[in-house]
Amino acid sequence: MRSDKQLVKLVEDGWLQQGEKLQRYGGGNREQLHFGANIGGRHQAPYRPSRPVSHNFDVDFGDVLYPTAVVQQGRFHGDEWVHDPTIRGWVHADSPGRAAVECADLLVTAGPEAWFIGTDRRIAVVVDAAVVGKSGHESNPEEGKDSQGSGKGFGRLLGKARSAVNAVAELSESLIGGAELVTLWECQREQLAEMTGSLKGRSTDGSGFSVNRFSDGSIIEVSTKVHVKGFM
């Protein structure tokens, strides 16, 4: 798993396009893995992708912690979910086939190896090339079973990271960013209705998030850090 410093160097040395500037990044955290979601009026925390297989990822999901009962049950106000140390972000959509859900599916299935990148031109999900296996459609008999409250259950469901989006899978085959990073998904800035940074939570300093609203109305909020050139 890459460190922040290693990831930023790879992005700047080979992934960015000419003249493109890195603005925000987030990932590489084995504790902050989960997303919450409100999709079609249904609250989910943790959110579990339900899409068909596209890639296999060599990712360790051992000893995964679950969100607090308050977050799992939706008994919080506003953005108080940011204070749950296992929650990486939140997705809002009126149906599963929205852009924010596609993005979240890949961030969840690749777990700590999935990095969310925001630049002055696009947002993207990238992973280390070493963790990406061949595309395939293997079935997992354990998927779909209720594993709430069990670290092993989450490992069975996502241990092989066998869930993503078909359309994204087709795109990912041609999106190789440098020799060591693979772009699984990306969206150009002009295709976004809104792309901002935001401080969330009830603490005085707040937590940094990239807030992205797509033209289809869906939103994904992802925990990120601001990149300041020369400080990393």
C-alpha atoms as a PDB file:
ATOM      1  CA  MET A   1       0.000   0.000   0.000  1.00  0.00           C
ATOM      2  CA  ARG A   2       1.399   3.390  -1.023  1.00  0.00           C
ATOM      3  CA  SER A   3       2.013   6.198   1.432  1.00  0.00           C
ATOM      4  CA  ASP A   4       0.700   9.705   0.776  1.00  0.00           C
ATOM      5  CA  LYS A   5       4.165  10.816  -0.270  1.00  0.00           C
ATOM      6  CA  GLN A   6       4.646   7.894  -2.657  1.00  0.00           C
ATOM      7  CA  LEU A   7       1.220   8.392  -4.211  1.00  0.00           C
ATOM      8  CA  VAL A   8       1.724  12.113  -4.789  1.00  0.00           C
ATOM      9  CA  LYS A   9       5.099  11.476  -6.429  1.00  0.00           C
ATOM     10  CA  LEU A  10       3.623   8.864  -8.782  1.00  0.00           C
ATOM     11  CA  VAL A  11       0.745  11.167  -9.676  1.00  0.00           C
ATOM     12  CA  GLU A  12       2.989  14.135 -10.373  1.00  0.00           C
ATOM     13  CA  ASP A  13       5.716  12.180 -12.167  1.00  0.00           C
ATOM     14  CA  GLY A  14       3.592  10.150 -14.569  1.00  0.00           C
ATOM     15  CA  TRP A  15      -0.152  10.337 -14.088  1.00  0.00           C
ATOM     16  CA  LEU A  16      -0.964  14.025 -14.528  1.00  0.00           C
ATOM     17  CA  GLN A  17      -1.427  15.351 -18.022  1.00  0.00           C
ATOM     18  CA  GLN A  18       0.717  18.226 -19.259  1.00  0.00           C
ATOM     19  CA  GLY A  19      -0.179  21.383 -17.349  1.00  0.00           C
ATOM     20  CA  GLU A  20      -2.618  19.555 -15.044  1.00  0.00           C
ATOM     21  CA  LYS A  21      -2.391  20.312 -11.305  1.00  0.00           C
ATOM     22  CA  LEU A  22      -3.087  17.991  -8.386  1.00  0.00           C
ATOM     23  CA  GLN A  23      -5.479  19.584  -5.890  1.00  0.00           C
ATOM     24  CA  ARG A  24      -6.838  16.896  -3.552  1.00  0.00           C
ATOM     25  CA  TYR A  25      -6.114  13.248  -2.804  1.00  0.00           C
ATOM     26  CA  GLY A  26      -7.232  10.614  -0.320  1.00  0.00           C
ATOM     27  CA  GLY A  27      -6.711   6.914   0.313  1.00  0.00           C
ATOM     28  CA  GLY A  28      -4.303   4.354   1.713  1.00  0.00           C
ATOM     29  CA  ASN A  29      -6.152   4.061   5.036  1.00  0.00           C
ATOM     30  CA  ARG A  30      -6.953   0.597   6.384  1.00  0.00           C
ATOM     31  CA  GLU A  31      -9.330   1.913   9.032  1.00  0.00           C
ATOM     32  CA  GLN A  32     -11.333   4.485   7.057  1.00  0.00           C
ATOM     33  CA  LEU A  33     -12.703   2.136   4.384  1.00  0.00           C
ATOM     34  CA  HIS A  34     -16.485   2.404   4.388  1.00  0.00           C
ATOM     35  CA  PHE A  35     -18.916   4.620   2.556  1.00  0.00           C
ATOM     36  CA  GLY A  36     -22.393   5.430   3.696  1.00  0.00           C
ATOM     37  CA  ALA A  37     -25.137   5.896   1.147  1.00  0.00           C
ATOM     38  CA  ASN A  38     -28.620   7.175   0.580  1.00  0.00           C
ATOM     39  CA  ILE A  39     -29.634   5.580  -2.713  1.00  0.00           C
ATOM     40  CA  GLY A  40     -33.214   5.626  -3.875  1.00  0.00           C
ATOM     41  CA  GLY A  41     -34.315   6.574  -0.382  1.00  0.00           C
ATOM     42  CA  ARG A  42     -32.500   3.639   1.232  1.00  0.00           C
ATOM     43  CA  HIS A  43     -29.920   4.255   3.962  1.00  0.00           C
ATOM     44  CA  GLN A  44     -26.861   1.987   3.858  1.00  0.00           C
ATOM     45  CA  ALA A  45     -23.872   2.097   6.179  1.00  0.00           C
ATOM     46  CA  PRO A  46     -21.665   0.447   5.259  1.00  0.00           C
ATOM     47  CA  TYR A  47     -22.576   0.690   1.590  1.00  0.00           C
ATOM     48  CA  ARG A  48     -21.996  -2.567  -0.292  1.00  0.00           C
ATOM     49  CA  PRO A  49     -21.727  -2.483  -4.099  1.00  0.00           C
ATOM     50  CA  SER A  50     -24.218  -4.697  -5.891  1.00  0.00           C
ATOM     51  CA  ARG A  51     -22.757  -4.473  -9.410  1.00  0.00           C
ATOM     52  CA  PRO A  52     -21.317  -7.352 -11.464  1.00  0.00           C
ATOM     53  CA  VAL A  53     -17.650  -8.306 -11.388  1.00  0.00           C
ATOM     54  CA  SER A  54     -15.184  -6.435 -13.572  1.00  0.00           C
ATOM     55  CA  HIS A  55     -11.716  -6.779 -12.022  1.00  0.00           C
ATOM     56  CA  ASN A  56     -10.126  -8.817  -9.289  1.00  0.00           C
ATOM     57  CA  PHE A  57      -8.083  -6.761  -6.848  1.00  0.00           C
ATOM     58  CA  ASP A  58      -5.419  -8.213  -4.583  1.00  0.00           C
ATOM     59  CA  VAL A  59      -6.525  -6.340  -1.471  1.00  0.00           C
ATOM     60  CA  ASP A  60      -6.348  -7.292   2.200  1.00  0.00           C
ATOM     61  CA  PHE A  61      -9.653  -6.701   3.991  1.00  0.00           C
ATOM     62  CA  GLY A  62      -8.629  -8.486   7.164  1.00  0.00           C
ATOM     63  CA  ASP A  63      -9.829  -7.181  10.538  1.00  0.00           C
ATOM     64  CA  VAL A  64     -12.182  -4.616   9.022  1.00  0.00           C
ATOM     65  CA  LEU A  65     -14.103  -2.602  11.605  1.00  0.00           C
ATOM     66  CA  TYR A  66     -17.738  -1.666  11.098  1.00  0.00           C
ATOM     67  CA  PRO A  67     -19.287   1.780  11.495  1.00  0.00           C
ATOM     68  CA  THR A  68     -20.833   2.681  14.819  1.00  0.00           C
ATOM     69  CA  ALA A  69     -24.430   1.648  15.487  1.00  0.00           C
ATOM     70  CA  VAL A  70     -25.487   5.292  15.280  1.00  0.00           C
ATOM     71  CA  VAL A  71     -24.193   5.565  11.722  1.00  0.00           C
ATOM     72  CA  GLN A  72     -25.398   2.107  10.675  1.00  0.00           C
ATOM     73  CA  GLN A  73     -28.900   2.958  11.820  1.00  0.00           C
ATOM     74  CA  GLY A  74     -28.889   6.532  10.505  1.00  0.00           C
ATOM     75  CA  ARG A  75     -29.408   8.054  13.953  1.00  0.00           C
ATOM     76  CA  PHE A  76     -27.275  11.137  13.357  1.00  0.00           C
ATOM     77  CA  HIS A  77     -27.889  14.721  12.291  1.00  0.00           C
ATOM     78  CA  GLY A  78     -26.506  16.396   9.188  1.00  0.00           C
ATOM     79  CA  ASP A  79     -22.873  15.505   8.544  1.00  0.00           C
ATOM     80  CA  GLU A  80     -22.130  13.995  11.973  1.00  0.00           C
ATOM     81  CA  TRP A  81     -21.204  10.756  10.182  1.00  0.00           C
ATOM     82  CA  VAL A  82     -17.782  12.274   9.487  1.00  0.00           C
ATOM     83  CA  HIS A  83     -16.829  11.624  13.115  1.00  0.00           C
ATOM     84  CA  ASP A  84     -17.093   7.858  12.649  1.00  0.00           C
ATOM     85  CA  PRO A  85     -13.437   6.817  12.078  1.00  0.00           C
ATOM     86  CA  THR A  86     -14.440   4.007   9.695  1.00  0.00           C
ATOM     87  CA  ILE A  87     -16.388   6.212   7.253  1.00  0.00           C
ATOM     88  CA  ARG A  88     -14.509   7.496   4.223  1.00  0.00           C
ATOM     89  CA  GLY A  89     -17.359   9.284   2.549  1.00  0.00           C
ATOM     90  CA  TRP A  90     -21.015   9.382   1.598  1.00  0.00           C
ATOM     91  CA  VAL A  91     -23.026   8.864  -1.577  1.00  0.00           C
ATOM     92  CA  HIS A  92     -26.389  10.419  -2.455  1.00  0.00           C
ATOM     93  CA  ALA A  93     -28.326   9.219  -5.511  1.00  0.00           C
ATOM     94  CA  ASP A  94     -31.885   8.545  -6.632  1.00  0.00           C
ATOM     95  CA  SER A  95     -30.930   5.183  -8.155  1.00  0.00           C
ATOM     96  CA  PRO A  96     -27.955   2.770  -8.266  1.00  0.00           C
ATOM     97  CA  GLY A  97     -27.065   3.603 -11.879  1.00  0.00           C
ATOM     98  CA  ARG A  98     -25.735   7.078 -11.136  1.00  0.00           C
ATOM     99  CA  ALA A  99     -22.188   8.385 -11.568  1.00  0.00           C
ATOM    100  CA  ALA A 100     -21.538   8.897  -7.846  1.00  0.00           C
ATOM    101  CA  VAL A 101     -22.457   5.258  -7.202  1.00  0.00           C
ATOM    102  CA  GLU A 102     -20.098   4.049  -9.945  1.00  0.00           C
ATOM    103  CA  CYS A 103     -17.280   6.014  -8.325  1.00  0.00           C
ATOM    104  CA  ALA A 104     -18.100   4.711  -4.842  1.00  0.00           C
ATOM    105  CA  ASP A 105     -18.276   1.100  -6.064  1.00  0.00           C
ATOM    106  CA  LEU A 106     -14.632   1.205  -7.095  1.00  0.00           C
ATOM    107  CA  LEU A 107     -13.476   3.047  -3.986  1.00  0.00           C
ATOM    108  CA  VAL A 108     -15.160   0.393  -1.843  1.00  0.00           C
ATOM    109  CA  THR A 109     -14.069  -2.700  -3.787  1.00  0.00           C
ATOM    110  CA  ALA A 110     -10.406  -1.657  -3.960  1.00  0.00           C
ATOM    111  CA  GLY A 111     -10.515  -0.474  -0.339  1.00  0.00           C
ATOM    112  CA  PRO A 112      -7.229   0.868   1.053  1.00  0.00           C
ATOM    113  CA  GLU A 113      -5.584   0.525  -2.354  1.00  0.00           C
ATOM    114  CA  ALA A 114      -8.074   2.905  -4.000  1.00  0.00           C
ATOM    115  CA  TRP A 115      -7.084   6.549  -4.132  1.00  0.00           C
ATOM    116  CA  PHE A 116      -9.456   9.368  -4.959  1.00  0.00           C
ATOM    117  CA  ILE A 117      -7.680  12.081  -6.953  1.00  0.00           C
ATOM    118  CA  GLY A 118      -8.946  15.584  -7.692  1.00  0.00           C
ATOM    119  CA  THR A 119      -7.176  17.911 -10.104  1.00  0.00           C
ATOM    120  CA  ASP A 120      -8.012  21.175 -11.840  1.00  0.00           C
ATOM    121  CA  ARG A 121      -9.327  19.075 -14.771  1.00  0.00           C
ATOM    122  CA  ARG A 122     -10.912  15.886 -13.422  1.00  0.00           C
ATOM    123  CA  ILE A 123     -11.621  13.544 -10.561  1.00  0.00           C
ATOM    124  CA  ALA A 124     -10.509   9.920 -10.694  1.00  0.00           C
ATOM    125  CA  VAL A 125     -10.104   6.636  -8.848  1.00  0.00           C
ATOM    126  CA  VAL A 126      -6.642   5.121  -9.208  1.00  0.00           C
ATOM    127  CA  VAL A 127      -4.879   2.066  -7.801  1.00  0.00           C
ATOM    128  CA  ASP A 128      -1.398   0.653  -7.791  1.00  0.00           C
ATOM    129  CA  ALA A 129      -1.013  -1.493 -10.914  1.00  0.00           C
ATOM    130  CA  ALA A 130       0.343  -4.317  -8.764  1.00  0.00           C
ATOM    131  CA  VAL A 131      -3.057  -4.970  -7.131  1.00  0.00           C
ATOM    132  CA  VAL A 132      -5.096  -5.185 -10.341  1.00  0.00           C
ATOM    133  CA  GLY A 133      -5.813  -8.693 -11.603  1.00  0.00           C
ATOM    134  CA  LYS A 134      -7.305  -9.824 -14.868  1.00  0.00           C
ATOM    135  CA  SER A 135     -10.825  -8.796 -15.791  1.00  0.00           C
ATOM    136  CA  GLY A 136     -13.316 -11.553 -15.196  1.00  0.00           C
ATOM    137  CA  HIS A 137     -16.742 -12.547 -14.006  1.00  0.00           C
ATOM    138  CA  GLU A 138     -16.021 -15.021 -11.258  1.00  0.00           C
ATOM    139  CA  SER A 139     -18.858 -15.732  -8.917  1.00  0.00           C
ATOM    140  CA  ASN A 140     -18.566 -15.794  -5.145  1.00  0.00           C
ATOM    141  CA  PRO A 141     -21.181 -17.937  -3.353  1.00  0.00           C
ATOM    142  CA  GLU A 142     -20.717 -15.934  -0.186  1.00  0.00           C
ATOM    143  CA  GLU A 143     -21.791 -12.674  -1.806  1.00  0.00           C
ATOM    144  CA  GLY A 144     -25.242 -11.511  -0.872  1.00  0.00           C
ATOM    145  CA  LYS A 145     -25.199 -13.159   2.542  1.00  0.00           C
ATOM    146  CA  ASP A 146     -25.852 -10.942   5.521  1.00  0.00           C
ATOM    147  CA  SER A 147     -22.556 -10.362   7.262  1.00  0.00           C
ATOM    148  CA  GLN A 148     -23.490  -7.368   9.388  1.00  0.00           C
ATOM    149  CA  GLY A 149     -21.315  -6.994  12.441  1.00  0.00           C
ATOM    150  CA  SER A 150     -18.634  -9.456  11.392  1.00  0.00           C
ATOM    151  CA  GLY A 151     -15.171  -8.488  10.192  1.00  0.00           C
ATOM    152  CA  LYS A 152     -14.876 -11.894   8.531  1.00  0.00           C
ATOM    153  CA  GLY A 153     -18.224 -11.332   6.841  1.00  0.00           C
ATOM    154  CA  PHE A 154     -16.991  -8.157   5.222  1.00  0.00           C
ATOM    155  CA  GLY A 155     -13.845 -10.011   4.182  1.00  0.00           C
ATOM    156  CA  ARG A 156     -15.952 -12.714   2.505  1.00  0.00           C
ATOM    157  CA  LEU A 157     -17.992 -10.099   0.677  1.00  0.00           C
ATOM    158  CA  LEU A 158     -15.163  -7.840  -0.410  1.00  0.00           C
ATOM    159  CA  GLY A 159     -11.967  -9.779   0.314  1.00  0.00           C
ATOM    160  CA  LYS A 160     -11.456 -10.458  -3.382  1.00  0.00           C
ATOM    161  CA  ALA A 161     -12.988  -7.097  -4.315  1.00  0.00           C
ATOM    162  CA  ARG A 162     -15.155  -8.752  -6.962  1.00  0.00           C
ATOM    163  CA  SER A 163     -17.669  -6.048  -7.617  1.00  0.00           C
ATOM    164  CA  ALA A 164     -17.676  -2.970  -9.843  1.00  0.00           C
ATOM    165  CA  VAL A 165     -19.449  -1.343 -12.738  1.00  0.00           C
ATOM    166  CA  ASN A 166     -19.541  -2.833 -16.254  1.00  0.00           C
ATOM    167  CA  ALA A 167     -19.261   0.506 -18.001  1.00  0.00           C
ATOM    168  CA  VAL A 168     -16.350   1.496 -15.797  1.00  0.00           C
ATOM    169  CA  ALA A 169     -14.668  -1.826 -16.463  1.00  0.00           C
ATOM    170  CA  GLU A 170     -14.706  -1.230 -20.200  1.00  0.00           C
ATOM    171  CA  LEU A 171     -13.249   2.235 -19.711  1.00  0.00           C
ATOM    172  CA  SER A 172     -10.584   1.099 -17.263  1.00  0.00           C
ATOM    173  CA  GLU A 173      -8.938  -1.193 -19.805  1.00  0.00           C
ATOM    174  CA  SER A 174      -7.688   1.849 -21.710  1.00  0.00           C
ATOM    175  CA  LEU A 175      -6.943   4.163 -18.801  1.00  0.00           C
ATOM    176  CA  ILE A 176      -3.434   3.390 -17.679  1.00  0.00           C
ATOM    177  CA  GLY A 177      -1.781   6.313 -15.908  1.00  0.00           C
ATOM    178  CA  GLY A 178       1.972   5.863 -15.930  1.00  0.00           C
ATOM    179  CA  ALA A 179       3.715   2.533 -15.337  1.00  0.00           C
ATOM    180  CA  GLU A 180       2.563   2.085 -11.743  1.00  0.00           C
ATOM    181  CA  LEU A 181      -0.916   3.599 -11.487  1.00  0.00           C
ATOM    182  CA  VAL A 182      -4.087   2.323 -13.117  1.00  0.00           C
ATOM    183  CA  THR A 183      -7.032   4.671 -13.582  1.00  0.00           C
ATOM    184  CA  LEU A 184     -10.216   2.721 -12.886  1.00  0.00           C
ATOM    185  CA  TRP A 185     -12.622   5.613 -13.347  1.00  0.00           C
ATOM    186  CA  GLU A 186     -12.526   9.316 -14.119  1.00  0.00           C
ATOM    187  CA  CYS A 187     -14.817  12.252 -14.809  1.00  0.00           C
ATOM    188  CA  GLN A 188     -13.827  15.498 -16.474  1.00  0.00           C
ATOM    189  CA  ARG A 189     -14.512  18.684 -14.544  1.00  0.00           C
ATOM    190  CA  GLU A 190     -16.848  20.077 -17.191  1.00  0.00           C
ATOM    191  CA  GLN A 191     -19.084  17.021 -16.708  1.00  0.00           C
ATOM    192  CA  LEU A 192     -19.584  17.905 -13.052  1.00  0.00           C
ATOM    193  CA  ALA A 193     -22.263  20.303 -11.878  1.00  0.00           C
ATOM    194  CA  GLU A 194     -20.154  21.109  -8.810  1.00  0.00           C
ATOM    195  CA  MET A 195     -16.661  20.204  -7.629  1.00  0.00           C
ATOM    196  CA  THR A 196     -15.600  21.784  -4.353  1.00  0.00           C
ATOM    197  CA  GLY A 197     -13.647  21.204  -1.163  1.00  0.00           C
ATOM    198  CA  SER A 198     -15.497  21.379   2.121  1.00  0.00           C
ATOM    199  CA  LEU A 199     -14.838  21.164   5.858  1.00  0.00           C
ATOM    200  CA  LYS A 200     -17.387  18.895   7.521  1.00  0.00           C
ATOM    201  CA  GLY A 201     -18.229  17.851  11.046  1.00  0.00           C
ATOM    202  CA  ARG A 202     -18.793  19.404  14.438  1.00  0.00           C
ATOM    203  CA  SER A 203     -15.175  19.962  15.492  1.00  0.00           C
ATOM    204  CA  THR A 204     -13.572  23.392  15.294  1.00  0.00           C
ATOM    205  CA  ASP A 205     -11.070  22.432  12.585  1.00  0.00           C
ATOM    206  CA  GLY A 206     -13.410  20.135  10.647  1.00  0.00           C
ATOM    207  CA  SER A 207     -12.500  17.314   8.275  1.00  0.00           C
ATOM    208  CA  GLY A 208     -11.544  17.915   4.643  1.00  0.00           C
ATOM    209  CA  PHE A 209     -13.781  16.468   1.936  1.00  0.00           C
ATOM    210  CA  SER A 210     -14.022  16.611  -1.828  1.00  0.00           C
ATOM    211  CA  VAL A 211     -17.688  17.216  -2.672  1.00  0.00           C
ATOM    212  CA  ASN A 212     -18.683  16.290  -6.215  1.00  0.00           C
ATOM    213  CA  ARG A 213     -22.148  16.745  -7.703  1.00  0.00           C
ATOM    214  CA  PHE A 214     -22.725  15.115 -11.089  1.00  0.00           C
ATOM    215  CA  SER A 215     -25.042  16.263 -13.848  1.00  0.00           C
ATOM    216  CA  ASP A 216     -27.348  13.327 -13.037  1.00  0.00           C
ATOM    217  CA  GLY A 217     -27.914  14.827  -9.575  1.00  0.00           C
ATOM    218  CA  SER A 218     -25.903  12.263  -7.642  1.00  0.00           C
ATOM    219  CA  ILE A 219     -23.249  13.372  -5.135  1.00  0.00           C
ATOM    220  CA  ILE A 220     -20.168  11.740  -3.671  1.00  0.00           C
ATOM    221  CA  GLU A 221     -18.320  13.203  -0.707  1.00  0.00           C
ATOM    222  CA  VAL A 222     -14.838  11.748  -0.126  1.00  0.00           C
ATOM    223  CA  SER A 223     -12.359  12.386   2.668  1.00  0.00           C
ATOM    224  CA  THR A 224      -9.319  14.056   1.092  1.00  0.00           C
ATOM    225  CA  LYS A 225      -6.288  16.174   1.836  1.00  0.00           C
ATOM    226  CA  VAL A 226      -5.400  19.416   0.089  1.00  0.00           C
ATOM    227  CA  HIS A 227      -2.227  19.198  -1.968  1.00  0.00           C
ATOM    228  CA  VAL A 228       0.091  22.164  -1.608  1.00  0.00           C
ATOM    229  CA  LYS A 229       3.050  22.042  -3.992  1.00  0.00           C
ATOM    230  CA  GLY A 230       6.311  21.707  -2.119  1.00  0.00           C
ATOM    231  CA  PHE A 231       4.810  20.390   1.130  1.00  0.00           C
ATOM    232  CA  MET A 232       4.777  16.721   0.105  1.00  0.00           C
END
